[in-house]
Amino acid sequence: MKAKVIKTQLEYEATLARIERLMEAKRNTPQGDELELLTLLVQDYEERVFPIDKPDPLEAIRFRMEQQGLKPHDLVPLLGSRSRVSEVLAGRAPSQLENDSSLGRPARHSSSRSFRPTRECVSAYSSQEFRVFPAIGMRLN
């Protein structure tokens, strides 16, 4: 199979079939190199044809709360007050998750702590491994 930019669904399916046949190829062999190239082409096609929107920060917070069994009162030490927690969870106050781009560093805002994406979260998002987002990706700073 000649490697080229994938432009159609038919080319995409053929490339996936070829990748499946090459899955046992060893690295640094002609077949291994072909497998690597084809997977990059498939990734490019999927990013163009099947784009995935970034998750809503408030939904990410709610999801993480659910995963950790947290209740709104558990967030008071992190956000400062019950009213602040209420505002954030009701969507009336912007969370610092959307406002601060300094990932992994203390927030430079009036409240002392905020929900922040970890580097693993950003990496998972960038590589579109959403089965782990935000389960490993959110921490409370």
C-alpha atoms as a PDB file:
ATOM      1  CA  MET A   1       0.000   0.000   0.000  1.00  0.00           C
ATOM      2  CA  LYS A   2       1.396   3.385  -0.981  1.00  0.00           C
ATOM      3  CA  ALA A   3       1.209   5.818   1.936  1.00  0.00           C
ATOM      4  CA  LYS A   4      -0.602   9.075   1.191  1.00  0.00           C
ATOM      5  CA  VAL A   5      -2.855  11.572   2.896  1.00  0.00           C
ATOM      6  CA  ILE A   6      -6.228   9.955   3.614  1.00  0.00           C
ATOM      7  CA  LYS A   7      -9.045  11.916   1.994  1.00  0.00           C
ATOM      8  CA  THR A   8     -12.039   9.580   1.830  1.00  0.00           C
ATOM      9  CA  GLN A   9     -13.845   7.108   4.052  1.00  0.00           C
ATOM     10  CA  LEU A  10     -12.856   4.308   1.667  1.00  0.00           C
ATOM     11  CA  GLU A  11      -9.159   5.217   1.942  1.00  0.00           C
ATOM     12  CA  TYR A  12      -9.549   5.430   5.711  1.00  0.00           C
ATOM     13  CA  GLU A  13     -11.059   1.945   5.935  1.00  0.00           C
ATOM     14  CA  ALA A  14      -8.379   0.481   3.659  1.00  0.00           C
ATOM     15  CA  THR A  15      -5.665   2.061   5.780  1.00  0.00           C
ATOM     16  CA  LEU A  16      -7.207   0.660   8.967  1.00  0.00           C
ATOM     17  CA  ALA A  17      -7.269  -2.794   7.393  1.00  0.00           C
ATOM     18  CA  ARG A  18      -3.599  -2.474   6.440  1.00  0.00           C
ATOM     19  CA  ILE A  19      -2.723  -1.322   9.951  1.00  0.00           C
ATOM     20  CA  GLU A  20      -4.474  -4.367  11.356  1.00  0.00           C
ATOM     21  CA  ARG A  21      -2.335  -6.627   9.168  1.00  0.00           C
ATOM     22  CA  LEU A  22       0.828  -4.826  10.328  1.00  0.00           C
ATOM     23  CA  MET A  23       0.090  -4.823  14.064  1.00  0.00           C
ATOM     24  CA  GLU A  24       2.729  -7.466  14.824  1.00  0.00           C
ATOM     25  CA  ALA A  25       5.473  -5.646  12.893  1.00  0.00           C
ATOM     26  CA  LYS A  26       8.705  -5.016  14.764  1.00  0.00           C
ATOM     27  CA  ARG A  27      10.093  -1.499  15.205  1.00  0.00           C
ATOM     28  CA  ASN A  28      12.789  -0.273  12.837  1.00  0.00           C
ATOM     29  CA  THR A  29      11.795  -2.670  10.088  1.00  0.00           C
ATOM     30  CA  PRO A  30      10.163  -1.703   6.788  1.00  0.00           C
ATOM     31  CA  GLN A  31       6.826  -3.040   8.081  1.00  0.00           C
ATOM     32  CA  GLY A  32       7.259  -1.243  11.410  1.00  0.00           C
ATOM     33  CA  ASP A  33       8.014   2.004   9.620  1.00  0.00           C
ATOM     34  CA  GLU A  34       4.954   1.553   7.411  1.00  0.00           C
ATOM     35  CA  LEU A  35       2.791   0.891  10.475  1.00  0.00           C
ATOM     36  CA  GLU A  36       4.058   4.043  12.159  1.00  0.00           C
ATOM     37  CA  LEU A  37       3.424   6.167   9.072  1.00  0.00           C
ATOM     38  CA  LEU A  38      -0.062   4.760   8.519  1.00  0.00           C
ATOM     39  CA  THR A  39      -1.069   5.394  12.122  1.00  0.00           C
ATOM     40  CA  LEU A  40       0.009   9.025  11.753  1.00  0.00           C
ATOM     41  CA  LEU A  41      -2.069   9.330   8.605  1.00  0.00           C
ATOM     42  CA  VAL A  42      -5.098   7.819  10.347  1.00  0.00           C
ATOM     43  CA  GLN A  43      -4.653  10.163  13.304  1.00  0.00           C
ATOM     44  CA  ASP A  44      -4.536  13.154  10.926  1.00  0.00           C
ATOM     45  CA  TYR A  45      -7.690  11.994   9.113  1.00  0.00           C
ATOM     46  CA  GLU A  46      -9.577  11.363  12.360  1.00  0.00           C
ATOM     47  CA  GLU A  47      -8.668  14.792  13.729  1.00  0.00           C
ATOM     48  CA  ARG A  48      -9.952  16.443  10.553  1.00  0.00           C
ATOM     49  CA  VAL A  49     -13.095  14.364  10.033  1.00  0.00           C
ATOM     50  CA  PHE A  50     -14.111  13.513  13.611  1.00  0.00           C
ATOM     51  CA  PRO A  51     -13.183  16.603  15.664  1.00  0.00           C
ATOM     52  CA  ILE A  52     -13.905  16.450  19.366  1.00  0.00           C
ATOM     53  CA  ASP A  53     -14.859  19.623  21.203  1.00  0.00           C
ATOM     54  CA  LYS A  54     -13.177  20.542  24.454  1.00  0.00           C
ATOM     55  CA  PRO A  55     -15.307  19.633  27.470  1.00  0.00           C
ATOM     56  CA  ASP A  56     -17.154  22.343  29.351  1.00  0.00           C
ATOM     57  CA  PRO A  57     -15.186  23.193  32.532  1.00  0.00           C
ATOM     58  CA  LEU A  58     -18.306  23.109  34.717  1.00  0.00           C
ATOM     59  CA  GLU A  59     -19.255  19.671  33.387  1.00  0.00           C
ATOM     60  CA  ALA A  60     -15.695  18.476  34.030  1.00  0.00           C
ATOM     61  CA  ILE A  61     -15.952  19.672  37.638  1.00  0.00           C
ATOM     62  CA  ARG A  62     -19.314  17.942  38.114  1.00  0.00           C
ATOM     63  CA  PHE A  63     -17.994  14.740  36.546  1.00  0.00           C
ATOM     64  CA  ARG A  64     -14.945  14.750  38.801  1.00  0.00           C
ATOM     65  CA  MET A  65     -17.110  15.382  41.850  1.00  0.00           C
ATOM     66  CA  GLU A  66     -19.253  12.409  40.903  1.00  0.00           C
ATOM     67  CA  GLN A  67     -16.216  10.186  40.352  1.00  0.00           C
ATOM     68  CA  GLN A  68     -14.773  11.074  43.762  1.00  0.00           C
ATOM     69  CA  GLY A  69     -18.119  11.043  45.559  1.00  0.00           C
ATOM     70  CA  LEU A  70     -17.768  14.716  46.490  1.00  0.00           C
ATOM     71  CA  LYS A  71     -20.657  16.888  47.612  1.00  0.00           C
ATOM     72  CA  PRO A  72     -20.796  20.684  47.276  1.00  0.00           C
ATOM     73  CA  HIS A  73     -19.879  21.140  50.946  1.00  0.00           C
ATOM     74  CA  ASP A  74     -16.614  19.260  50.252  1.00  0.00           C
ATOM     75  CA  LEU A  75     -15.560  22.121  47.995  1.00  0.00           C
ATOM     76  CA  VAL A  76     -15.881  24.889  50.594  1.00  0.00           C
ATOM     77  CA  PRO A  77     -12.257  24.564  51.790  1.00  0.00           C
ATOM     78  CA  LEU A  78     -11.136  24.764  48.171  1.00  0.00           C
ATOM     79  CA  LEU A  79     -13.254  27.656  46.961  1.00  0.00           C
ATOM     80  CA  GLY A  80     -13.553  29.666  50.144  1.00  0.00           C
ATOM     81  CA  SER A  81     -17.250  29.725  51.001  1.00  0.00           C
ATOM     82  CA  ARG A  82     -20.552  27.937  50.471  1.00  0.00           C
ATOM     83  CA  SER A  83     -21.801  30.847  48.387  1.00  0.00           C
ATOM     84  CA  ARG A  84     -18.747  30.666  46.098  1.00  0.00           C
ATOM     85  CA  VAL A  85     -19.270  26.908  45.655  1.00  0.00           C
ATOM     86  CA  SER A  86     -22.911  27.554  44.847  1.00  0.00           C
ATOM     87  CA  GLU A  87     -22.032  30.260  42.317  1.00  0.00           C
ATOM     88  CA  VAL A  88     -19.452  28.078  40.558  1.00  0.00           C
ATOM     89  CA  LEU A  89     -21.685  24.988  40.414  1.00  0.00           C
ATOM     90  CA  ALA A  90     -24.652  27.055  39.193  1.00  0.00           C
ATOM     91  CA  GLY A  91     -22.524  28.529  36.449  1.00  0.00           C
ATOM     92  CA  ARG A  92     -22.941  32.086  37.764  1.00  0.00           C
ATOM     93  CA  ALA A  93     -19.247  32.517  38.560  1.00  0.00           C
ATOM     94  CA  PRO A  94     -16.504  31.588  36.137  1.00  0.00           C
ATOM     95  CA  SER A  95     -14.254  28.885  37.476  1.00  0.00           C
ATOM     96  CA  GLN A  96     -10.564  29.586  37.390  1.00  0.00           C
ATOM     97  CA  LEU A  97     -10.238  26.494  35.239  1.00  0.00           C
ATOM     98  CA  GLU A  98     -11.429  28.538  32.280  1.00  0.00           C
ATOM     99  CA  ASN A  99      -9.676  31.768  33.238  1.00  0.00           C
ATOM    100  CA  ASP A 100      -6.144  30.707  34.116  1.00  0.00           C
ATOM    101  CA  SER A 101      -3.784  29.179  31.614  1.00  0.00           C
ATOM    102  CA  SER A 102      -0.929  28.561  34.053  1.00  0.00           C
ATOM    103  CA  LEU A 103      -1.442  24.820  34.326  1.00  0.00           C
ATOM    104  CA  GLY A 104      -0.057  23.232  37.436  1.00  0.00           C
ATOM    105  CA  ARG A 105       0.829  26.556  39.129  1.00  0.00           C
ATOM    106  CA  PRO A 106      -1.013  28.287  41.955  1.00  0.00           C
ATOM    107  CA  ALA A 107      -3.879  30.459  40.785  1.00  0.00           C
ATOM    108  CA  ARG A 108      -3.319  34.215  40.647  1.00  0.00           C
ATOM    109  CA  HIS A 109      -6.904  35.070  41.524  1.00  0.00           C
ATOM    110  CA  SER A 110      -8.774  36.262  44.564  1.00  0.00           C
ATOM    111  CA  SER A 111      -9.850  32.836  45.813  1.00  0.00           C
ATOM    112  CA  SER A 112      -7.028  30.796  47.213  1.00  0.00           C
ATOM    113  CA  ARG A 113      -7.742  27.519  45.459  1.00  0.00           C
ATOM    114  CA  SER A 114      -9.368  26.358  42.271  1.00  0.00           C
ATOM    115  CA  PHE A 115     -10.030  23.387  40.060  1.00  0.00           C
ATOM    116  CA  ARG A 116      -7.055  22.995  37.785  1.00  0.00           C
ATOM    117  CA  PRO A 117      -6.279  20.553  34.968  1.00  0.00           C
ATOM    118  CA  THR A 118      -3.121  18.536  35.566  1.00  0.00           C
ATOM    119  CA  ARG A 119      -0.547  17.988  32.855  1.00  0.00           C
ATOM    120  CA  GLU A 120      -1.851  14.411  32.472  1.00  0.00           C
ATOM    121  CA  CYS A 121      -5.304  15.842  31.756  1.00  0.00           C
ATOM    122  CA  VAL A 122      -3.959  18.179  29.094  1.00  0.00           C
ATOM    123  CA  SER A 123      -1.913  15.344  27.597  1.00  0.00           C
ATOM    124  CA  ALA A 124      -4.929  13.016  27.565  1.00  0.00           C
ATOM    125  CA  TYR A 125      -7.010  15.727  25.979  1.00  0.00           C
ATOM    126  CA  SER A 126      -4.357  16.484  23.387  1.00  0.00           C
ATOM    127  CA  SER A 127      -4.079  12.827  22.435  1.00  0.00           C
ATOM    128  CA  GLN A 128      -7.881  12.452  22.551  1.00  0.00           C
ATOM    129  CA  GLU A 129      -7.796   9.668  25.130  1.00  0.00           C
ATOM    130  CA  PHE A 130     -11.117  10.756  26.559  1.00  0.00           C
ATOM    131  CA  ARG A 131     -11.701   7.530  28.399  1.00  0.00           C
ATOM    132  CA  VAL A 132      -9.366   8.988  31.049  1.00  0.00           C
ATOM    133  CA  PHE A 133     -10.534  12.609  30.917  1.00  0.00           C
ATOM    134  CA  PRO A 134     -11.056  14.053  33.441  1.00  0.00           C
ATOM    135  CA  ALA A 135     -10.778  11.054  35.773  1.00  0.00           C
ATOM    136  CA  ILE A 136      -6.991  11.408  36.005  1.00  0.00           C
ATOM    137  CA  GLY A 137      -7.008  14.962  34.874  1.00  0.00           C
ATOM    138  CA  MET A 138      -8.585  17.076  37.541  1.00  0.00           C
ATOM    139  CA  ARG A 139      -7.102  17.840  40.873  1.00  0.00           C
ATOM    140  CA  LEU A 140      -8.010  20.329  43.499  1.00  0.00           C
ATOM    141  CA  ASN A 141      -5.297  22.938  44.061  1.00  0.00           C
END
